[in-house]
Amino acid sequence: MKYINYFLAFLAFAVLLSSCDALTRDVDLNLPEPERILTVECYLEAGQPYRVLLTETKGFFENLDACPLVKGATVIIKHNGVVDTLEESFYFSNNCPADSLFGFIPFFNADRTRFYNYGSSNICPTDYDHDFELEVIDNLNNRQALATTRFLRPVPISEMALTFKDTLASLMVSAIDDGATVDFYRIIVHLDALTEDFGFFNISKQPEFDISIDDARFFNGGKVTFGTDFDYAVGDTLIGTFYHIDKVYHDFLQTVSDAESANFSPFAQPTRILTNINGGQGIFTTLSYSRDTVVVN
């Protein structure tokens, strides 16, 4: 009797599997062609040449490891009546695909941690009173992107102080906020160096501490202070950088961080990255900062 029950149970399971298989079928989905959106990254730094990275968005199922560079565009930066048309990177072959990172000679920033496909030999001036304008014309695909930014005056670091717990130290970075204006800041702390040398190019070191803040929430007119954990020993060199940024760049950093976090959570809502690029996405901004170094003794 026991074997009959086993046989009946097996027979029922087989029937269940066959019925499930009969209820399934393959479905072909005709997904729409993804929209290609111009994406711009440009960080103006006084005393450094103009550099622009011009790419475009890609479809979810495309090769995400390849960088979708936009070729054949006209990239112009205007400032105080001066118009500078940037040069495109040199490609070794006319057939070199736009997403190839090995078929062209890129432009680099000063510490060679970022590469760009459009650049100029002209130096960005120090000017806090006039706007800088960016115009991108994608001649091959009839697209245009515009953006405007202006330099903010650096806010000097007022204090970099070490606090000790047993044998380990914490670093506090402070600056004085202007209570008459609405300001945004980014504070970064690096250990020993800003970059790692990889020969032909460098890699930006992961910061020990990185935060973007809005002065109106906590610090308007007072001392802006943030600090690290107690992680540092005697002999460590800590480099503090205090950026004075605009609201656009603050919001861009926040939404990029939120989007990255959402990628790792199946329950998170998609995040729209805020941008100041009219006709595209990305960021066109200036880098104004003060920097200081302290050695743990």
C-alpha atoms as a PDB file:
ATOM      1  CA  MET A   1       0.000   0.000   0.000  1.00  0.00           C
ATOM      2  CA  LYS A   2       2.846   2.336   0.844  1.00  0.00           C
ATOM      3  CA  TYR A   3       4.389   1.924  -2.646  1.00  0.00           C
ATOM      4  CA  ILE A   4       1.025   2.603  -4.300  1.00  0.00           C
ATOM      5  CA  ASN A   5       0.803   5.902  -2.392  1.00  0.00           C
ATOM      6  CA  TYR A   6       4.315   6.833  -3.517  1.00  0.00           C
ATOM      7  CA  PHE A   7       3.388   6.008  -7.125  1.00  0.00           C
ATOM      8  CA  LEU A   8       0.213   8.085  -6.976  1.00  0.00           C
ATOM      9  CA  ALA A   9       2.086  11.019  -5.455  1.00  0.00           C
ATOM     10  CA  PHE A  10       4.739  10.838  -8.184  1.00  0.00           C
ATOM     11  CA  LEU A  11       2.044  10.597 -10.868  1.00  0.00           C
ATOM     12  CA  ALA A  12       0.267  13.682  -9.492  1.00  0.00           C
ATOM     13  CA  PHE A  13       3.549  15.616  -9.418  1.00  0.00           C
ATOM     14  CA  ALA A  14       4.279  14.655 -13.029  1.00  0.00           C
ATOM     15  CA  VAL A  15       0.820  15.783 -14.123  1.00  0.00           C
ATOM     16  CA  LEU A  16       1.324  19.092 -12.295  1.00  0.00           C
ATOM     17  CA  LEU A  17       4.633  19.708 -14.057  1.00  0.00           C
ATOM     18  CA  SER A  18       3.184  18.923 -17.466  1.00  0.00           C
ATOM     19  CA  SER A  19       0.244  21.258 -16.864  1.00  0.00           C
ATOM     20  CA  CYS A  20       2.588  24.092 -15.797  1.00  0.00           C
ATOM     21  CA  ASP A  21       4.649  23.582 -18.943  1.00  0.00           C
ATOM     22  CA  ALA A  22       1.498  23.803 -21.029  1.00  0.00           C
ATOM     23  CA  LEU A  23       0.657  27.162 -19.447  1.00  0.00           C
ATOM     24  CA  THR A  24       3.975  28.781 -20.369  1.00  0.00           C
ATOM     25  CA  ARG A  25       4.979  30.276 -23.680  1.00  0.00           C
ATOM     26  CA  ASP A  26       7.666  32.576 -25.007  1.00  0.00           C
ATOM     27  CA  VAL A  27       6.713  36.193 -25.624  1.00  0.00           C
ATOM     28  CA  ASP A  28       8.724  38.560 -27.832  1.00  0.00           C
ATOM     29  CA  LEU A  29       8.703  42.168 -26.623  1.00  0.00           C
ATOM     30  CA  ASN A  30       9.367  44.971 -29.073  1.00  0.00           C
ATOM     31  CA  LEU A  31      11.145  47.478 -26.848  1.00  0.00           C
ATOM     32  CA  PRO A  32      11.343  51.071 -28.114  1.00  0.00           C
ATOM     33  CA  GLU A  33      14.703  52.432 -29.171  1.00  0.00           C
ATOM     34  CA  PRO A  34      16.208  54.190 -26.124  1.00  0.00           C
ATOM     35  CA  GLU A  35      16.475  57.964 -26.320  1.00  0.00           C
ATOM     36  CA  ARG A  36      20.034  59.207 -26.729  1.00  0.00           C
ATOM     37  CA  ILE A  37      20.533  62.170 -24.386  1.00  0.00           C
ATOM     38  CA  LEU A  38      23.599  64.402 -24.588  1.00  0.00           C
ATOM     39  CA  THR A  39      25.591  64.161 -21.360  1.00  0.00           C
ATOM     40  CA  VAL A  40      28.091  66.872 -20.440  1.00  0.00           C
ATOM     41  CA  GLU A  41      30.732  67.048 -17.706  1.00  0.00           C
ATOM     42  CA  CYS A  42      32.740  70.251 -17.425  1.00  0.00           C
ATOM     43  CA  TYR A  43      34.494  71.537 -14.298  1.00  0.00           C
ATOM     44  CA  LEU A  44      36.064  74.968 -14.739  1.00  0.00           C
ATOM     45  CA  GLU A  45      39.133  75.584 -12.616  1.00  0.00           C
ATOM     46  CA  ALA A  46      40.953  78.938 -12.625  1.00  0.00           C
ATOM     47  CA  GLY A  47      44.431  78.651 -14.087  1.00  0.00           C
ATOM     48  CA  GLN A  48      43.667  75.391 -15.905  1.00  0.00           C
ATOM     49  CA  PRO A  49      42.701  74.830 -19.577  1.00  0.00           C
ATOM     50  CA  TYR A  50      39.121  74.163 -20.612  1.00  0.00           C
ATOM     51  CA  ARG A  51      38.100  70.497 -20.707  1.00  0.00           C
ATOM     52  CA  VAL A  52      34.738  68.913 -21.623  1.00  0.00           C
ATOM     53  CA  LEU A  53      33.620  65.273 -21.622  1.00  0.00           C
ATOM     54  CA  LEU A  54      30.781  64.840 -24.113  1.00  0.00           C
ATOM     55  CA  THR A  55      28.957  61.498 -24.157  1.00  0.00           C
ATOM     56  CA  GLU A  56      25.395  60.248 -24.566  1.00  0.00           C
ATOM     57  CA  THR A  57      23.141  57.895 -22.625  1.00  0.00           C
ATOM     58  CA  LYS A  58      22.845  54.215 -23.534  1.00  0.00           C
ATOM     59  CA  GLY A  59      20.147  51.580 -23.490  1.00  0.00           C
ATOM     60  CA  PHE A  60      19.819  49.302 -20.446  1.00  0.00           C
ATOM     61  CA  PHE A  61      20.726  46.177 -22.443  1.00  0.00           C
ATOM     62  CA  GLU A  62      23.721  47.697 -24.247  1.00  0.00           C
ATOM     63  CA  ASN A  63      27.362  47.193 -23.332  1.00  0.00           C
ATOM     64  CA  LEU A  64      27.656  49.459 -20.311  1.00  0.00           C
ATOM     65  CA  ASP A  65      31.437  49.052 -20.053  1.00  0.00           C
ATOM     66  CA  ALA A  66      32.033  51.018 -23.253  1.00  0.00           C
ATOM     67  CA  CYS A  67      32.049  54.822 -23.025  1.00  0.00           C
ATOM     68  CA  PRO A  68      29.615  56.370 -25.559  1.00  0.00           C
ATOM     69  CA  LEU A  69      31.697  59.341 -26.713  1.00  0.00           C
ATOM     70  CA  VAL A  70      30.017  61.871 -29.009  1.00  0.00           C
ATOM     71  CA  LYS A  71      32.161  62.638 -32.055  1.00  0.00           C
ATOM     72  CA  GLY A  72      32.075  65.529 -34.500  1.00  0.00           C
ATOM     73  CA  ALA A  73      30.470  68.068 -32.142  1.00  0.00           C
ATOM     74  CA  THR A  74      31.126  71.798 -31.841  1.00  0.00           C
ATOM     75  CA  VAL A  75      31.899  72.708 -28.217  1.00  0.00           C
ATOM     76  CA  ILE A  76      32.152  76.407 -27.324  1.00  0.00           C
ATOM     77  CA  ILE A  77      32.858  78.182 -24.020  1.00  0.00           C
ATOM     78  CA  LYS A  78      32.073  81.910 -23.914  1.00  0.00           C
ATOM     79  CA  HIS A  79      33.228  84.327 -21.225  1.00  0.00           C
ATOM     80  CA  ASN A  80      33.121  88.109 -21.059  1.00  0.00           C
ATOM     81  CA  GLY A  81      33.006  88.490 -24.851  1.00  0.00           C
ATOM     82  CA  VAL A  82      35.690  85.863 -25.563  1.00  0.00           C
ATOM     83  CA  VAL A  83      34.598  82.795 -27.552  1.00  0.00           C
ATOM     84  CA  ASP A  84      36.723  79.643 -27.330  1.00  0.00           C
ATOM     85  CA  THR A  85      35.946  76.698 -29.626  1.00  0.00           C
ATOM     86  CA  LEU A  86      37.411  73.535 -28.145  1.00  0.00           C
ATOM     87  CA  GLU A  87      39.292  70.963 -30.205  1.00  0.00           C
ATOM     88  CA  GLU A  88      38.187  67.339 -30.429  1.00  0.00           C
ATOM     89  CA  SER A  89      40.505  64.522 -29.388  1.00  0.00           C
ATOM     90  CA  PHE A  90      42.626  62.924 -32.074  1.00  0.00           C
ATOM     91  CA  TYR A  91      41.293  59.538 -33.256  1.00  0.00           C
ATOM     92  CA  PHE A  92      43.717  57.064 -34.800  1.00  0.00           C
ATOM     93  CA  SER A  93      41.166  55.988 -37.398  1.00  0.00           C
ATOM     94  CA  ASN A  94      38.054  57.492 -38.928  1.00  0.00           C
ATOM     95  CA  ASN A  95      36.384  54.138 -38.344  1.00  0.00           C
ATOM     96  CA  CYS A  96      37.213  54.163 -34.648  1.00  0.00           C
ATOM     97  CA  PRO A  97      33.935  53.623 -32.782  1.00  0.00           C
ATOM     98  CA  ALA A  98      32.803  56.432 -30.527  1.00  0.00           C
ATOM     99  CA  ASP A  99      32.682  54.113 -27.503  1.00  0.00           C
ATOM    100  CA  SER A 100      36.312  52.989 -27.842  1.00  0.00           C
ATOM    101  CA  LEU A 101      38.665  54.142 -25.079  1.00  0.00           C
ATOM    102  CA  PHE A 102      41.762  52.916 -26.887  1.00  0.00           C
ATOM    103  CA  GLY A 103      41.419  54.568 -30.296  1.00  0.00           C
ATOM    104  CA  PHE A 104      42.013  58.208 -29.417  1.00  0.00           C
ATOM    105  CA  ILE A 105      44.287  60.543 -27.453  1.00  0.00           C
ATOM    106  CA  PRO A 106      42.237  62.158 -24.667  1.00  0.00           C
ATOM    107  CA  PHE A 107      42.680  65.466 -22.907  1.00  0.00           C
ATOM    108  CA  PHE A 108      43.393  65.223 -19.158  1.00  0.00           C
ATOM    109  CA  ASN A 109      42.848  67.477 -16.172  1.00  0.00           C
ATOM    110  CA  ALA A 110      45.798  68.823 -14.167  1.00  0.00           C
ATOM    111  CA  ASP A 111      46.371  65.742 -11.985  1.00  0.00           C
ATOM    112  CA  ARG A 112      45.491  63.325 -14.835  1.00  0.00           C
ATOM    113  CA  THR A 113      42.623  61.687 -12.969  1.00  0.00           C
ATOM    114  CA  ARG A 114      39.923  62.570 -15.521  1.00  0.00           C
ATOM    115  CA  PHE A 115      39.933  62.254 -19.303  1.00  0.00           C
ATOM    116  CA  TYR A 116      37.969  64.391 -21.778  1.00  0.00           C
ATOM    117  CA  ASN A 117      37.273  64.251 -25.507  1.00  0.00           C
ATOM    118  CA  TYR A 118      37.177  68.045 -26.070  1.00  0.00           C
ATOM    119  CA  GLY A 119      39.769  70.535 -24.843  1.00  0.00           C
ATOM    120  CA  SER A 120      41.538  73.843 -25.352  1.00  0.00           C
ATOM    121  CA  SER A 121      44.984  75.262 -24.668  1.00  0.00           C
ATOM    122  CA  ASN A 122      43.426  78.511 -23.416  1.00  0.00           C
ATOM    123  CA  ILE A 123      43.519  79.018 -19.665  1.00  0.00           C
ATOM    124  CA  CYS A 124      40.363  79.622 -17.632  1.00  0.00           C
ATOM    125  CA  PRO A 125      40.632  83.052 -15.961  1.00  0.00           C
ATOM    126  CA  THR A 126      39.788  83.917 -12.364  1.00  0.00           C
ATOM    127  CA  ASP A 127      36.594  85.956 -12.617  1.00  0.00           C
ATOM    128  CA  TYR A 128      33.859  86.176  -9.971  1.00  0.00           C
ATOM    129  CA  ASP A 129      31.774  88.820 -11.761  1.00  0.00           C
ATOM    130  CA  HIS A 130      30.942  87.361 -15.179  1.00  0.00           C
ATOM    131  CA  ASP A 131      29.204  84.186 -16.330  1.00  0.00           C
ATOM    132  CA  PHE A 132      30.770  81.364 -18.304  1.00  0.00           C
ATOM    133  CA  GLU A 133      28.531  79.928 -21.024  1.00  0.00           C
ATOM    134  CA  LEU A 134      28.749  76.491 -22.598  1.00  0.00           C
ATOM    135  CA  GLU A 135      27.262  75.624 -25.986  1.00  0.00           C
ATOM    136  CA  VAL A 136      27.368  72.104 -27.454  1.00  0.00           C
ATOM    137  CA  ILE A 137      26.179  71.413 -31.005  1.00  0.00           C
ATOM    138  CA  ASP A 138      25.979  67.760 -32.017  1.00  0.00           C
ATOM    139  CA  ASN A 139      26.347  68.219 -35.769  1.00  0.00           C
ATOM    140  CA  LEU A 140      25.761  64.561 -36.638  1.00  0.00           C
ATOM    141  CA  ASN A 141      22.489  64.147 -34.734  1.00  0.00           C
ATOM    142  CA  ASN A 142      21.052  67.690 -34.732  1.00  0.00           C
ATOM    143  CA  ARG A 143      21.179  68.131 -30.946  1.00  0.00           C
ATOM    144  CA  GLN A 144      22.143  71.140 -28.847  1.00  0.00           C
ATOM    145  CA  ALA A 145      22.918  71.672 -25.161  1.00  0.00           C
ATOM    146  CA  LEU A 146      23.418  74.945 -23.264  1.00  0.00           C
ATOM    147  CA  ALA A 147      24.539  75.795 -19.736  1.00  0.00           C
ATOM    148  CA  THR A 148      25.749  78.735 -17.643  1.00  0.00           C
ATOM    149  CA  THR A 149      27.850  78.951 -14.487  1.00  0.00           C
ATOM    150  CA  ARG A 150      29.913  81.444 -12.477  1.00  0.00           C
ATOM    151  CA  PHE A 151      32.856  81.194 -10.079  1.00  0.00           C
ATOM    152  CA  LEU A 152      32.237  81.514  -6.344  1.00  0.00           C
ATOM    153  CA  ARG A 153      34.912  82.926  -4.069  1.00  0.00           C
ATOM    154  CA  PRO A 154      36.806  80.285  -2.082  1.00  0.00           C
ATOM    155  CA  VAL A 155      35.956  80.022   1.617  1.00  0.00           C
ATOM    156  CA  PRO A 156      39.198  79.667   3.604  1.00  0.00           C
ATOM    157  CA  ILE A 157      39.599  76.819   6.054  1.00  0.00           C
ATOM    158  CA  SER A 158      39.678  78.414   9.495  1.00  0.00           C
ATOM    159  CA  GLU A 159      40.870  75.373  11.425  1.00  0.00           C
ATOM    160  CA  MET A 160      42.021  71.773  10.989  1.00  0.00           C
ATOM    161  CA  ALA A 161      42.187  70.232  14.442  1.00  0.00           C
ATOM    162  CA  LEU A 162      43.055  66.738  15.650  1.00  0.00           C
ATOM    163  CA  THR A 163      41.147  65.056  18.482  1.00  0.00           C
ATOM    164  CA  PHE A 164      42.503  61.878  20.084  1.00  0.00           C
ATOM    165  CA  LYS A 165      40.895  58.804  21.584  1.00  0.00           C
ATOM    166  CA  ASP A 166      43.587  56.530  23.014  1.00  0.00           C
ATOM    167  CA  THR A 167      46.194  56.358  20.210  1.00  0.00           C
ATOM    168  CA  LEU A 168      43.894  57.180  17.274  1.00  0.00           C
ATOM    169  CA  ALA A 169      43.027  60.617  15.922  1.00  0.00           C
ATOM    170  CA  SER A 170      39.993  62.283  14.339  1.00  0.00           C
ATOM    171  CA  LEU A 171      40.251  65.340  12.083  1.00  0.00           C
ATOM    172  CA  MET A 172      37.867  68.305  12.343  1.00  0.00           C
ATOM    173  CA  VAL A 173      37.701  70.689   9.339  1.00  0.00           C
ATOM    174  CA  SER A 174      36.114  74.109   9.953  1.00  0.00           C
ATOM    175  CA  ALA A 175      35.302  77.284   8.012  1.00  0.00           C
ATOM    176  CA  ILE A 176      33.258  80.420   8.737  1.00  0.00           C
ATOM    177  CA  ASP A 177      29.985  80.753   6.823  1.00  0.00           C
ATOM    178  CA  ASP A 178      28.679  84.078   5.495  1.00  0.00           C
ATOM    179  CA  GLY A 179      25.277  84.649   7.092  1.00  0.00           C
ATOM    180  CA  ALA A 180      24.268  87.194   4.425  1.00  0.00           C
ATOM    181  CA  THR A 181      24.230  84.646   1.585  1.00  0.00           C
ATOM    182  CA  VAL A 182      22.848  81.186   0.910  1.00  0.00           C
ATOM    183  CA  ASP A 183      25.843  78.895   0.453  1.00  0.00           C
ATOM    184  CA  PHE A 184      26.590  75.269  -0.320  1.00  0.00           C
ATOM    185  CA  TYR A 185      29.766  73.394   0.493  1.00  0.00           C
ATOM    186  CA  ARG A 186      31.530  70.112  -0.086  1.00  0.00           C
ATOM    187  CA  ILE A 187      34.127  68.867   2.410  1.00  0.00           C
ATOM    188  CA  ILE A 188      36.540  66.083   1.460  1.00  0.00           C
ATOM    189  CA  VAL A 189      39.353  64.500   3.482  1.00  0.00           C
ATOM    190  CA  HIS A 190      42.044  62.299   1.895  1.00  0.00           C
ATOM    191  CA  LEU A 191      44.675  60.134   3.567  1.00  0.00           C
ATOM    192  CA  ASP A 192      48.327  60.705   2.531  1.00  0.00           C
ATOM    193  CA  ALA A 193      47.631  61.731  -1.107  1.00  0.00           C
ATOM    194  CA  LEU A 194      44.892  62.890  -3.478  1.00  0.00           C
ATOM    195  CA  THR A 195      45.781  60.454  -6.258  1.00  0.00           C
ATOM    196  CA  GLU A 196      47.426  57.124  -6.962  1.00  0.00           C
ATOM    197  CA  ASP A 197      50.010  56.940  -9.737  1.00  0.00           C
ATOM    198  CA  PHE A 198      49.287  54.452 -12.534  1.00  0.00           C
ATOM    199  CA  GLY A 199      51.979  55.651 -14.936  1.00  0.00           C
ATOM    200  CA  PHE A 200      50.313  57.246 -17.951  1.00  0.00           C
ATOM    201  CA  PHE A 201      47.337  58.366 -15.842  1.00  0.00           C
ATOM    202  CA  ASN A 202      46.358  58.648 -12.210  1.00  0.00           C
ATOM    203  CA  ILE A 203      43.402  57.405 -10.204  1.00  0.00           C
ATOM    204  CA  SER A 204      41.662  59.651  -7.668  1.00  0.00           C
ATOM    205  CA  LYS A 205      42.012  58.113  -4.231  1.00  0.00           C
ATOM    206  CA  GLN A 206      38.820  57.239  -2.441  1.00  0.00           C
ATOM    207  CA  PRO A 207      38.283  59.995   0.154  1.00  0.00           C
ATOM    208  CA  GLU A 208      38.144  59.167   3.824  1.00  0.00           C
ATOM    209  CA  PHE A 209      35.320  61.652   4.224  1.00  0.00           C
ATOM    210  CA  ASP A 210      33.041  63.327   1.662  1.00  0.00           C
ATOM    211  CA  ILE A 211      29.911  65.354   2.393  1.00  0.00           C
ATOM    212  CA  SER A 212      27.878  68.055   0.635  1.00  0.00           C
ATOM    213  CA  ILE A 213      25.953  70.477   2.847  1.00  0.00           C
ATOM    214  CA  ASP A 214      23.465  73.341   2.684  1.00  0.00           C
ATOM    215  CA  ASP A 215      24.356  76.118   5.146  1.00  0.00           C
ATOM    216  CA  ALA A 216      20.718  77.115   5.694  1.00  0.00           C
ATOM    217  CA  ARG A 217      19.935  73.853   7.456  1.00  0.00           C
ATOM    218  CA  PHE A 218      22.484  74.084  10.280  1.00  0.00           C
ATOM    219  CA  PHE A 219      25.269  76.624   9.890  1.00  0.00           C
ATOM    220  CA  ASN A 220      24.007  79.906   8.418  1.00  0.00           C
ATOM    221  CA  GLY A 221      26.305  82.642   9.726  1.00  0.00           C
ATOM    222  CA  GLY A 222      28.225  80.296  12.007  1.00  0.00           C
ATOM    223  CA  LYS A 223      31.143  77.879  11.916  1.00  0.00           C
ATOM    224  CA  VAL A 224      30.814  74.984   9.472  1.00  0.00           C
ATOM    225  CA  THR A 225      32.515  71.963  11.046  1.00  0.00           C
ATOM    226  CA  PHE A 226      32.625  68.311  10.087  1.00  0.00           C
ATOM    227  CA  GLY A 227      34.948  65.560  11.204  1.00  0.00           C
ATOM    228  CA  THR A 228      36.132  62.046  10.544  1.00  0.00           C
ATOM    229  CA  ASP A 229      36.029  58.970  12.752  1.00  0.00           C
ATOM    230  CA  PHE A 230      38.931  58.032  15.031  1.00  0.00           C
ATOM    231  CA  ASP A 231      40.808  56.113  12.330  1.00  0.00           C
ATOM    232  CA  TYR A 232      44.254  57.707  12.043  1.00  0.00           C
ATOM    233  CA  ALA A 233      47.569  56.901  13.672  1.00  0.00           C
ATOM    234  CA  VAL A 234      50.825  58.751  14.227  1.00  0.00           C
ATOM    235  CA  GLY A 235      52.502  59.543  10.912  1.00  0.00           C
ATOM    236  CA  ASP A 236      49.316  59.733   8.835  1.00  0.00           C
ATOM    237  CA  THR A 237      48.921  62.798   6.619  1.00  0.00           C
ATOM    238  CA  LEU A 238      45.377  64.154   6.284  1.00  0.00           C
ATOM    239  CA  ILE A 239      44.463  66.500   3.429  1.00  0.00           C
ATOM    240  CA  GLY A 240      41.306  68.580   3.864  1.00  0.00           C
ATOM    241  CA  THR A 241      39.592  70.300   0.916  1.00  0.00           C
ATOM    242  CA  PHE A 242      36.739  72.766   1.455  1.00  0.00           C
ATOM    243  CA  TYR A 243      34.762  73.453  -1.764  1.00  0.00           C
ATOM    244  CA  HIS A 244      32.424  76.411  -2.161  1.00  0.00           C
ATOM    245  CA  ILE A 245      29.817  75.094  -4.619  1.00  0.00           C
ATOM    246  CA  ASP A 246      26.555  76.383  -6.086  1.00  0.00           C
ATOM    247  CA  LYS A 247      23.105  74.908  -5.499  1.00  0.00           C
ATOM    248  CA  VAL A 248      23.073  73.235  -8.917  1.00  0.00           C
ATOM    249  CA  TYR A 249      26.244  71.252  -8.195  1.00  0.00           C
ATOM    250  CA  HIS A 250      25.031  70.432  -4.667  1.00  0.00           C
ATOM    251  CA  ASP A 251      21.765  69.021  -6.035  1.00  0.00           C
ATOM    252  CA  PHE A 252      23.625  67.163  -8.793  1.00  0.00           C
ATOM    253  CA  LEU A 253      25.903  65.459  -6.253  1.00  0.00           C
ATOM    254  CA  GLN A 254      22.980  64.536  -4.003  1.00  0.00           C
ATOM    255  CA  THR A 255      20.852  63.043  -6.772  1.00  0.00           C
ATOM    256  CA  VAL A 256      23.788  61.141  -8.310  1.00  0.00           C
ATOM    257  CA  SER A 257      24.445  59.605  -4.887  1.00  0.00           C
ATOM    258  CA  ASP A 258      20.744  58.725  -4.514  1.00  0.00           C
ATOM    259  CA  ALA A 259      20.696  57.144  -7.985  1.00  0.00           C
ATOM    260  CA  GLU A 260      23.768  55.028  -7.208  1.00  0.00           C
ATOM    261  CA  SER A 261      22.177  53.835  -3.972  1.00  0.00           C
ATOM    262  CA  ALA A 262      18.926  52.976  -5.776  1.00  0.00           C
ATOM    263  CA  ASN A 263      20.828  50.724  -8.170  1.00  0.00           C
ATOM    264  CA  PHE A 264      21.657  48.393  -5.280  1.00  0.00           C
ATOM    265  CA  SER A 265      18.151  48.223  -3.802  1.00  0.00           C
ATOM    266  CA  PRO A 266      15.198  46.472  -5.463  1.00  0.00           C
ATOM    267  CA  PHE A 267      12.835  48.520  -3.283  1.00  0.00           C
ATOM    268  CA  ALA A 268      14.258  51.993  -3.989  1.00  0.00           C
ATOM    269  CA  GLN A 269      12.474  54.414  -6.292  1.00  0.00           C
ATOM    270  CA  PRO A 270      14.356  55.567  -9.434  1.00  0.00           C
ATOM    271  CA  THR A 271      16.016  58.944  -8.935  1.00  0.00           C
ATOM    272  CA  ARG A 272      16.022  61.755 -11.489  1.00  0.00           C
ATOM    273  CA  ILE A 273      19.452  63.374 -11.573  1.00  0.00           C
ATOM    274  CA  LEU A 274      19.164  67.166 -11.334  1.00  0.00           C
ATOM    275  CA  THR A 275      21.221  69.077 -13.881  1.00  0.00           C
ATOM    276  CA  ASN A 276      21.890  72.545 -15.278  1.00  0.00           C
ATOM    277  CA  ILE A 277      22.346  71.317 -18.857  1.00  0.00           C
ATOM    278  CA  ASN A 278      19.519  72.670 -21.019  1.00  0.00           C
ATOM    279  CA  GLY A 279      18.987  70.140 -23.803  1.00  0.00           C
ATOM    280  CA  GLY A 280      20.873  67.351 -22.069  1.00  0.00           C
ATOM    281  CA  GLN A 281      22.091  66.223 -18.670  1.00  0.00           C
ATOM    282  CA  GLY A 282      25.259  66.358 -16.598  1.00  0.00           C
ATOM    283  CA  ILE A 283      26.989  69.307 -14.944  1.00  0.00           C
ATOM    284  CA  PHE A 284      28.720  72.539 -15.968  1.00  0.00           C
ATOM    285  CA  THR A 285      30.220  74.120 -12.870  1.00  0.00           C
ATOM    286  CA  THR A 286      33.290  75.734 -11.308  1.00  0.00           C
ATOM    287  CA  LEU A 287      35.717  74.442  -8.690  1.00  0.00           C
ATOM    288  CA  SER A 288      36.573  76.956  -5.962  1.00  0.00           C
ATOM    289  CA  TYR A 289      38.235  75.537  -2.881  1.00  0.00           C
ATOM    290  CA  SER A 290      40.726  75.965  -0.080  1.00  0.00           C
ATOM    291  CA  ARG A 291      42.995  73.135   1.041  1.00  0.00           C
ATOM    292  CA  ASP A 292      45.204  72.397   4.011  1.00  0.00           C
ATOM    293  CA  THR A 293      47.239  69.479   5.367  1.00  0.00           C
ATOM    294  CA  VAL A 294      47.909  68.180   8.867  1.00  0.00           C
ATOM    295  CA  VAL A 295      50.194  65.344  10.024  1.00  0.00           C
ATOM    296  CA  VAL A 296      49.178  63.213  12.986  1.00  0.00           C
ATOM    297  CA  ASN A 297      51.902  63.665  15.631  1.00  0.00           C
END
